[in-house]
């Protein structure tokens, strides 16, 4: 048994991976420290939202399903964004979350802590992980790195403090959105008003 543990330690250390860098579609860390979340959020609603994002099964980009119901994941994202310690909660979700949970956390860090966003984005840009994406009633598999930062020529660049509505008023045609250029964070914040 000790030999197996030693082999596992050697394998992980030889790849130089930390828990924040392991963005494969492994299940999220089930050993969540409830006292950490309790210290970061005063509201039970905030804790429930954080737990939901830690376990997120897919990356939902807006309204979902045939009826166009607002995404519960994005609703949870906005619940956390209203918390006093939102940046710390998003960091916690990034560290403990599923692949989709890390993407929601990265969106939150984009809005709340740009230094933490920059550090975390580097990790996910190097990822070869794939995540399920749901938009409306369409579902597909997408590269995590592409969701973080698109290399498309038509990527939408959303200036800080601007909304997607602002962007669409001055930009015609189809555009790709990503996290690094502000598209998903702006979209998620606008959905708080739905």
Protein backbone atom coordinates (compact mmCIF):
# COMPACT_ATOMS: atom_id res chain seq x y z
CA UNK A 1 0.00 0.00 0.00
CA UNK A 2 2.78 2.43 0.93
CA UNK A 3 4.46 1.62 -2.40
CA UNK A 4 1.30 2.59 -4.31
CA UNK A 5 1.05 5.88 -2.45
CA UNK A 6 4.71 6.60 -3.17
CA UNK A 7 4.21 5.84 -6.88
CA UNK A 8 1.20 8.16 -7.02
CA UNK A 9 3.16 10.96 -5.35
CA UNK A 10 6.04 10.51 -7.77
CA UNK A 11 3.72 10.50 -10.79
CA UNK A 12 1.92 13.69 -9.77
CA UNK A 13 5.11 15.49 -8.83
CA UNK A 14 6.80 14.48 -12.07
CA UNK A 15 4.00 16.14 -14.02
CA UNK A 16 4.29 19.24 -11.85
CA UNK A 17 0.54 19.49 -11.36
CA UNK A 18 -1.21 21.22 -8.54
CA UNK A 19 -4.86 20.77 -7.66
CA UNK A 20 -5.65 24.06 -9.43
CA UNK A 21 -3.98 22.80 -12.59
CA UNK A 22 -5.88 19.52 -12.74
CA UNK A 23 -8.69 20.60 -15.04
CA UNK A 24 -9.60 17.24 -16.49
CA UNK A 25 -13.22 16.23 -16.24
CA UNK A 26 -12.57 14.57 -12.91
CA UNK A 27 -15.33 14.93 -10.34
CA UNK A 28 -14.86 17.95 -8.08
CA UNK A 29 -13.11 17.54 -4.77
CA UNK A 30 -15.83 16.10 -2.54
CA UNK A 31 -13.88 17.03 0.60
CA UNK A 32 -15.15 20.58 0.63
CA UNK A 33 -14.29 22.47 3.77
CA UNK A 34 -17.62 23.90 4.86
CA UNK A 35 -15.95 26.11 7.45
CA UNK A 36 -14.01 27.88 4.68
CA UNK A 37 -17.21 28.79 2.84
CA UNK A 38 -18.93 29.77 6.07
CA UNK A 39 -16.07 32.17 6.79
CA UNK A 40 -16.35 33.67 3.28
CA UNK A 41 -20.11 34.16 3.07
CA UNK A 42 -22.64 35.20 5.65
CA UNK A 43 -25.57 33.91 3.63
CA UNK A 44 -26.84 30.39 3.26
CA UNK A 45 -27.85 31.35 -0.28
CA UNK A 46 -24.22 32.22 -1.09
CA UNK A 47 -22.96 28.91 0.30
CA UNK A 48 -25.57 26.95 -1.66
CA UNK A 49 -24.62 28.83 -4.84
CA UNK A 50 -20.93 28.08 -4.27
CA UNK A 51 -21.61 24.37 -3.74
CA UNK A 52 -23.68 24.29 -6.94
CA UNK A 53 -20.87 25.86 -8.97
CA UNK A 54 -18.20 23.61 -7.46
CA UNK A 55 -20.20 20.65 -8.81
CA UNK A 56 -21.26 22.26 -12.14
CA UNK A 57 -21.67 19.57 -14.77
CA UNK A 58 -21.52 21.80 -17.85
CA UNK A 59 -20.85 25.37 -18.90
CA UNK A 60 -24.18 27.05 -19.61
CA UNK A 61 -23.82 30.28 -21.56
CA UNK A 62 -27.24 31.86 -21.15
CA UNK A 63 -30.84 30.74 -21.17
CA UNK A 64 -31.23 27.00 -21.55
CA UNK A 65 -33.75 24.51 -22.86
CA UNK A 66 -36.54 24.94 -25.35
CA UNK A 67 -38.31 27.41 -23.05
CA UNK A 68 -35.22 29.59 -22.69
CA UNK A 69 -35.11 29.31 -18.91
CA UNK A 70 -32.31 31.34 -17.31
CA UNK A 71 -29.42 29.04 -16.34
CA UNK A 72 -29.38 28.07 -12.67
CA UNK A 73 -25.57 28.08 -12.84
CA UNK A 74 -25.57 31.70 -13.99
CA UNK A 75 -28.10 32.55 -11.30
CA UNK A 76 -25.72 30.98 -8.75
CA UNK A 77 -22.84 32.93 -10.31
CA UNK A 78 -24.73 36.20 -9.76
CA UNK A 79 -25.66 35.24 -6.20
CA UNK A 80 -21.96 34.86 -5.45
CA UNK A 81 -21.07 38.07 -7.31
CA UNK A 82 -23.30 39.96 -4.83
CA UNK A 83 -21.48 38.51 -1.80
CA UNK A 84 -19.09 40.73 0.14
CA UNK A 85 -16.24 38.21 -0.27
CA UNK A 86 -17.10 37.29 -3.87
CA UNK A 87 -13.48 37.19 -5.04
CA UNK A 88 -12.46 34.78 -2.28
CA UNK A 89 -15.48 32.56 -3.00
CA UNK A 90 -14.63 32.47 -6.72
CA UNK A 91 -11.02 31.55 -5.83
CA UNK A 92 -12.34 28.72 -3.64
CA UNK A 93 -14.54 27.45 -6.50
CA UNK A 94 -11.59 27.61 -8.90
CA UNK A 95 -9.48 25.52 -6.52
CA UNK A 96 -12.16 22.94 -5.65
CA UNK A 97 -14.45 22.90 -8.66
CA UNK A 98 -15.19 20.70 -11.60
CA UNK A 99 -13.97 21.84 -15.01
CA UNK A 100 -17.19 23.79 -15.61
CA UNK A 101 -17.01 25.15 -12.06
CA UNK A 102 -13.52 26.50 -12.76
CA UNK A 103 -14.86 28.32 -15.83
CA UNK A 104 -17.63 29.99 -13.80
CA UNK A 105 -15.06 30.91 -11.15
CA UNK A 106 -12.78 32.40 -13.80
CA UNK A 107 -15.65 34.58 -15.02
CA UNK A 108 -16.14 35.76 -11.44
CA UNK A 109 -12.46 36.51 -10.98
CA UNK A 110 -12.53 38.54 -14.20
CA UNK A 111 -15.06 40.82 -12.49
CA UNK A 112 -13.71 40.80 -8.93
CA UNK A 113 -9.94 40.22 -8.88
CA UNK A 114 -8.02 40.76 -12.11
CA UNK A 115 -4.68 39.60 -10.67
CA UNK A 116 -6.21 36.28 -9.58
CA UNK A 117 -7.96 36.11 -12.95
CA UNK A 118 -4.65 36.51 -14.81
CA UNK A 119 -2.98 33.76 -12.76
CA UNK A 120 -5.92 31.37 -13.11
CA UNK A 121 -6.48 32.08 -16.81
CA UNK A 122 -2.90 31.00 -17.58
CA UNK A 123 -3.65 27.58 -16.08
CA UNK A 124 -6.83 27.06 -18.10
CA UNK A 125 -5.36 28.43 -21.35
CA UNK A 126 -2.83 25.58 -21.20
CA UNK A 127 -5.52 22.98 -20.56
CA UNK A 128 -6.42 20.33 -23.08
CA UNK A 129 -9.66 19.59 -21.20
CA UNK A 130 -13.02 19.53 -22.95
CA UNK A 131 -16.26 20.65 -21.31
CA UNK A 132 -19.91 20.32 -22.29
CA UNK A 133 -21.45 23.66 -23.28
CA UNK A 134 -25.19 24.34 -23.27
CA UNK A 135 -26.71 27.36 -25.00
CA UNK A 136 -30.46 27.35 -25.47
CA UNK A 137 -31.27 23.79 -26.52
CA UNK A 138 -27.91 23.20 -28.23
CA UNK A 139 -25.23 21.19 -26.44
CA UNK A 140 -21.71 20.51 -27.67
CA UNK A 141 -18.21 19.74 -26.42
CA UNK A 142 -15.75 22.64 -26.42
CA UNK A 143 -12.12 23.18 -25.53
CA UNK A 144 -11.67 24.87 -22.15
CA UNK A 145 -8.77 26.90 -23.57
CA UNK A 146 -11.01 28.26 -26.36
CA UNK A 147 -13.72 29.28 -23.87
CA UNK A 148 -11.10 31.12 -21.85
CA UNK A 149 -9.55 32.93 -24.82
CA UNK A 150 -10.74 32.66 -28.39
CA UNK A 151 -8.29 33.23 -31.21
CA UNK A 152 -11.12 34.01 -33.64
CA UNK A 153 -10.74 37.15 -35.74
CA UNK A 154 -14.29 38.15 -34.84
CA UNK A 155 -13.96 37.88 -31.05
CA UNK A 156 -16.07 40.44 -29.18
CA UNK A 157 -13.98 42.76 -27.00
CA UNK A 158 -16.07 44.14 -24.16
CA UNK A 159 -14.51 47.12 -22.45
CA UNK A 160 -14.62 47.15 -18.61
CA UNK A 161 -17.92 48.56 -17.40
CA UNK A 162 -19.61 47.95 -20.76
CA UNK A 163 -22.36 45.46 -21.45
CA UNK A 164 -23.03 43.08 -24.29
CA UNK A 165 -25.96 45.33 -25.17
CA UNK A 166 -23.51 48.22 -25.58
CA UNK A 167 -21.35 46.02 -27.80
CA UNK A 168 -24.21 44.91 -30.04
CA UNK A 169 -25.40 48.52 -30.51
CA UNK A 170 -22.13 49.41 -32.26
CA UNK A 171 -21.06 46.07 -33.78
CA UNK A 172 -22.91 44.25 -36.52
CA UNK A 173 -22.46 40.66 -37.59
CA UNK A 174 -21.57 37.48 -35.78
CA UNK A 175 -18.94 37.55 -33.05
CA UNK A 176 -17.38 34.90 -30.83
CA UNK A 177 -17.32 35.55 -27.11
CA UNK A 178 -14.90 34.28 -24.50
CA UNK A 179 -13.93 35.04 -20.92
CA UNK A 180 -10.62 36.87 -21.46
CA UNK A 181 -12.15 39.51 -23.72
CA UNK A 182 -15.08 40.06 -21.34
CA UNK A 183 -17.92 38.48 -23.34
CA UNK A 184 -19.05 35.78 -20.94
CA UNK A 185 -18.57 37.90 -17.79
CA UNK A 186 -20.68 40.70 -19.33
CA UNK A 187 -23.33 38.22 -20.47
CA UNK A 188 -23.57 36.61 -17.03
CA UNK A 189 -23.84 39.97 -15.23
CA UNK A 190 -26.59 41.12 -17.62
CA UNK A 191 -28.54 37.98 -16.81
CA UNK A 192 -28.72 39.11 -13.19
CA UNK A 193 -31.36 41.58 -14.36
CA UNK A 194 -33.56 38.97 -16.07
